[in-house]
Structures are given as structure tokens and as C-alpha cells.
Amino acid sequence: MDLFFETIFVGVLSFGIFVVIRSLVSNSGWSLFMTGVLKHFVGYWIGIQDAYCRQYTGLPYAPIPSSMELLLEGFAFVLIGGLLQPVIKNPWIIAFGIGVVLHLVSEWTGVHAWFLSRCS
């Protein structure tokens, strides 16, 4: 059940960040890239990643995101957005969908397990 709520939360967070970015940047590719970068950074900044570490490992702190992690998440948003755009025409739904898809893919491929191994 936690995975369901986490996934919806990440979708809503992605949507919220996209709304702000889209009001500042009209290019959809750049908007998605910046949304991915900021989603990862904001998750760290407001303590979501620390809470994730505490919940799953009992350890209190998440690692500070590296520039590479931020860039990879930005590129992942652009890639998944490119795959969703032919099917879903509404950019707001795409932003939510990217957050959902990326969270689930990260869970199923072991990216989240790798992240948890870095908690301290």
C-alpha cells in the first residue's frame, strides 16, 4: 500500500513543479527537463528523501543528490514525456504520468534499493 501512496504523491509533486516551470518556460522539452531536475532536488530539500530513508532503513539521512542524479532525472522526464506525448495530448496529465511511471520503474529496476543503500 505504501508504494501506491508514494507513487501518487510523486505524480502530484511532479505535476505541481511542472505547473510552476511551465508558467516560466514555454518549450515542453525544457519544461520537462527542469521539472525532473527540480523534483529530485525539492524531494531532498523538503525532507522527502530523509523520510524515505527512515521508513525503509531506519537511518535518518539521505545523501545529498549529485549533479549526475539531477541531470539523469531531468533526462528521464524528457524521455518518458516523449514516449507519453503521442498517446496523451494534455501536458498536465503527462507531468503527473511521468512522476508515476518513473517512480514505479525506479522501484522495479532497483534504483530505489540503490538509493536506500546510500542512506546514513
C-alpha atoms as a PDB file:
ATOM      1  CA  MET A   1       0.000   0.000   0.000  1.00  0.00           C
ATOM      2  CA  ASP A   2       2.922   2.373   0.655  1.00  0.00           C
ATOM      3  CA  LEU A   3       4.006   2.053  -2.975  1.00  0.00           C
ATOM      4  CA  PHE A   4       0.569   3.212  -4.147  1.00  0.00           C
ATOM      5  CA  PHE A   5       0.587   6.350  -1.968  1.00  0.00           C
ATOM      6  CA  GLU A   6       4.237   7.113  -2.732  1.00  0.00           C
ATOM      7  CA  THR A   7       3.551   6.817  -6.445  1.00  0.00           C
ATOM      8  CA  ILE A   8       0.521   9.122  -6.338  1.00  0.00           C
ATOM      9  CA  PHE A   9       2.458  11.616  -4.206  1.00  0.00           C
ATOM     10  CA  VAL A  10       5.366  11.667  -6.681  1.00  0.00           C
ATOM     11  CA  GLY A  11       2.888  12.201  -9.531  1.00  0.00           C
ATOM     12  CA  VAL A  12       1.273  15.127  -7.703  1.00  0.00           C
ATOM     13  CA  LEU A  13       4.678  16.616  -6.806  1.00  0.00           C
ATOM     14  CA  SER A  14       5.782  16.325 -10.448  1.00  0.00           C
ATOM     15  CA  PHE A  15       2.551  17.958 -11.590  1.00  0.00           C
ATOM     16  CA  GLY A  16       2.940  20.850  -9.124  1.00  0.00           C
ATOM     17  CA  ILE A  17       6.522  21.554 -10.129  1.00  0.00           C
ATOM     18  CA  PHE A  18       5.582  21.314 -13.821  1.00  0.00           C
ATOM     19  CA  VAL A  19       2.797  23.893 -13.343  1.00  0.00           C
ATOM     20  CA  VAL A  20       5.315  26.396 -11.953  1.00  0.00           C
ATOM     21  CA  ILE A  21       8.008  25.626 -14.550  1.00  0.00           C
ATOM     22  CA  ARG A  22       5.558  25.666 -17.462  1.00  0.00           C
ATOM     23  CA  SER A  23       4.438  29.175 -16.483  1.00  0.00           C
ATOM     24  CA  LEU A  24       8.069  30.292 -16.877  1.00  0.00           C
ATOM     25  CA  VAL A  25       9.304  28.142 -19.788  1.00  0.00           C
ATOM     26  CA  SER A  26       7.195  27.530 -22.892  1.00  0.00           C
ATOM     27  CA  ASN A  27       9.355  24.826 -24.508  1.00  0.00           C
ATOM     28  CA  SER A  28       7.917  21.447 -23.438  1.00  0.00           C
ATOM     29  CA  GLY A  29      11.269  19.632 -23.549  1.00  0.00           C
ATOM     30  CA  TRP A  30      12.991  22.160 -21.321  1.00  0.00           C
ATOM     31  CA  SER A  31       9.945  22.275 -19.050  1.00  0.00           C
ATOM     32  CA  LEU A  32      10.085  18.510 -18.562  1.00  0.00           C
ATOM     33  CA  PHE A  33      13.847  18.510 -18.055  1.00  0.00           C
ATOM     34  CA  MET A  34      13.685  21.273 -15.461  1.00  0.00           C
ATOM     35  CA  THR A  35      10.749  19.562 -13.736  1.00  0.00           C
ATOM     36  CA  GLY A  36      12.776  16.350 -13.369  1.00  0.00           C
ATOM     37  CA  VAL A  37      15.812  18.164 -12.005  1.00  0.00           C
ATOM     38  CA  LEU A  38      13.748  20.217  -9.568  1.00  0.00           C
ATOM     39  CA  LYS A  39      11.609  17.270  -8.464  1.00  0.00           C
ATOM     40  CA  HIS A  40      14.708  15.409  -7.365  1.00  0.00           C
ATOM     41  CA  PHE A  41      16.194  18.460  -5.646  1.00  0.00           C
ATOM     42  CA  VAL A  42      12.922  19.528  -3.988  1.00  0.00           C
ATOM     43  CA  GLY A  43      12.437  15.966  -2.691  1.00  0.00           C
ATOM     44  CA  TYR A  44      15.767  16.275  -0.908  1.00  0.00           C
ATOM     45  CA  TRP A  45      15.270  19.871   0.216  1.00  0.00           C
ATOM     46  CA  ILE A  46      11.861  19.366   1.881  1.00  0.00           C
ATOM     47  CA  GLY A  47      12.932  16.103   3.553  1.00  0.00           C
ATOM     48  CA  ILE A  48      11.080  13.524   1.476  1.00  0.00           C
ATOM     49  CA  GLN A  49      14.249  11.566   0.802  1.00  0.00           C
ATOM     50  CA  ASP A  50      15.207  11.632   4.501  1.00  0.00           C
ATOM     51  CA  ALA A  51      11.747  10.292   5.389  1.00  0.00           C
ATOM     52  CA  TYR A  52      12.149   7.570   2.747  1.00  0.00           C
ATOM     53  CA  CYS A  53      15.487   6.537   4.315  1.00  0.00           C
ATOM     54  CA  ARG A  54      13.980   6.478   7.824  1.00  0.00           C
ATOM     55  CA  GLN A  55      10.949   4.467   6.697  1.00  0.00           C
ATOM     56  CA  TYR A  56      12.828   1.747   4.826  1.00  0.00           C
ATOM     57  CA  THR A  57      16.221   1.574   6.561  1.00  0.00           C
ATOM     58  CA  GLY A  58      15.769   3.239   9.938  1.00  0.00           C
ATOM     59  CA  LEU A  59      18.698   5.504   9.068  1.00  0.00           C
ATOM     60  CA  PRO A  60      17.996   9.227   9.372  1.00  0.00           C
ATOM     61  CA  TYR A  61      19.628  10.898   6.381  1.00  0.00           C
ATOM     62  CA  ALA A  62      19.503  10.723   2.624  1.00  0.00           C
ATOM     63  CA  PRO A  63      22.608  11.563   0.628  1.00  0.00           C
ATOM     64  CA  ILE A  64      22.814  14.990  -0.968  1.00  0.00           C
ATOM     65  CA  PRO A  65      21.820  14.490  -4.617  1.00  0.00           C
ATOM     66  CA  SER A  66      24.719  14.672  -7.033  1.00  0.00           C
ATOM     67  CA  SER A  67      24.633  16.749 -10.196  1.00  0.00           C
ATOM     68  CA  MET A  68      24.596  13.490 -12.158  1.00  0.00           C
ATOM     69  CA  GLU A  69      21.452  12.282 -10.347  1.00  0.00           C
ATOM     70  CA  LEU A  70      19.708  15.586 -11.021  1.00  0.00           C
ATOM     71  CA  LEU A  71      20.640  15.516 -14.716  1.00  0.00           C
ATOM     72  CA  LEU A  72      19.628  11.865 -15.105  1.00  0.00           C
ATOM     73  CA  GLU A  73      16.218  12.564 -13.608  1.00  0.00           C
ATOM     74  CA  GLY A  74      15.801  15.535 -15.943  1.00  0.00           C
ATOM     75  CA  PHE A  75      16.668  13.389 -18.965  1.00  0.00           C
ATOM     76  CA  ALA A  76      14.356  10.620 -17.711  1.00  0.00           C
ATOM     77  CA  PHE A  77      11.489  13.122 -17.606  1.00  0.00           C
ATOM     78  CA  VAL A  78      12.188  14.150 -21.210  1.00  0.00           C
ATOM     79  CA  LEU A  79      12.458  10.522 -22.379  1.00  0.00           C
ATOM     80  CA  ILE A  80       9.279   9.327 -20.680  1.00  0.00           C
ATOM     81  CA  GLY A  81       7.483  12.513 -21.739  1.00  0.00           C
ATOM     82  CA  GLY A  82       8.476  11.804 -25.345  1.00  0.00           C
ATOM     83  CA  LEU A  83       7.019   8.310 -25.046  1.00  0.00           C
ATOM     84  CA  LEU A  84       3.777   9.555 -23.476  1.00  0.00           C
ATOM     85  CA  GLN A  85       3.157  12.578 -25.754  1.00  0.00           C
ATOM     86  CA  PRO A  86       1.910  10.571 -28.760  1.00  0.00           C
ATOM     87  CA  VAL A  87      -0.644   8.853 -26.523  1.00  0.00           C
ATOM     88  CA  ILE A  88      -1.575  11.651 -24.100  1.00  0.00           C
ATOM     89  CA  LYS A  89      -2.024  15.137 -25.502  1.00  0.00           C
ATOM     90  CA  ASN A  90      -2.559  17.030 -22.225  1.00  0.00           C
ATOM     91  CA  PRO A  91       0.839  18.214 -20.879  1.00  0.00           C
ATOM     92  CA  TRP A  92      -0.511  18.445 -17.318  1.00  0.00           C
ATOM     93  CA  ILE A  93      -1.533  14.783 -17.326  1.00  0.00           C
ATOM     94  CA  ILE A  94       1.820  13.884 -18.893  1.00  0.00           C
ATOM     95  CA  ALA A  95       3.681  15.576 -15.998  1.00  0.00           C
ATOM     96  CA  PHE A  96       1.671  13.561 -13.466  1.00  0.00           C
ATOM     97  CA  GLY A  97       2.107  10.391 -15.540  1.00  0.00           C
ATOM     98  CA  ILE A  98       5.872  10.822 -15.750  1.00  0.00           C
ATOM     99  CA  GLY A  99       6.135  11.051 -11.965  1.00  0.00           C
ATOM    100  CA  VAL A 100       4.042   7.896 -11.588  1.00  0.00           C
ATOM    101  CA  VAL A 101       5.869   5.909 -14.277  1.00  0.00           C
ATOM    102  CA  LEU A 102       9.319   6.983 -13.150  1.00  0.00           C
ATOM    103  CA  HIS A 103       8.602   6.092  -9.514  1.00  0.00           C
ATOM    104  CA  LEU A 104       7.323   2.629 -10.461  1.00  0.00           C
ATOM    105  CA  VAL A 105      10.185   1.954 -12.878  1.00  0.00           C
ATOM    106  CA  SER A 106      12.690   3.026 -10.211  1.00  0.00           C
ATOM    107  CA  GLU A 107      11.088   0.636  -7.745  1.00  0.00           C
ATOM    108  CA  TRP A 108      11.007  -2.306 -10.146  1.00  0.00           C
ATOM    109  CA  THR A 109      14.529  -1.828 -11.549  1.00  0.00           C
ATOM    110  CA  GLY A 110      16.291  -1.473  -8.205  1.00  0.00           C
ATOM    111  CA  VAL A 111      17.075   2.247  -8.416  1.00  0.00           C
ATOM    112  CA  HIS A 112      15.292   2.811  -5.104  1.00  0.00           C
ATOM    113  CA  ALA A 113      17.218  -0.063  -3.480  1.00  0.00           C
ATOM    114  CA  TRP A 114      20.454   1.535  -4.671  1.00  0.00           C
ATOM    115  CA  PHE A 115      19.322   4.876  -3.209  1.00  0.00           C
ATOM    116  CA  LEU A 116      18.490   3.234   0.136  1.00  0.00           C
ATOM    117  CA  SER A 117      21.944   1.638   0.256  1.00  0.00           C
ATOM    118  CA  ARG A 118      23.373   5.174   0.416  1.00  0.00           C
ATOM    119  CA  CYS A 119      21.355   6.339   3.454  1.00  0.00           C
ATOM    120  CA  SER A 120      23.368   7.157   6.566  1.00  0.00           C
END
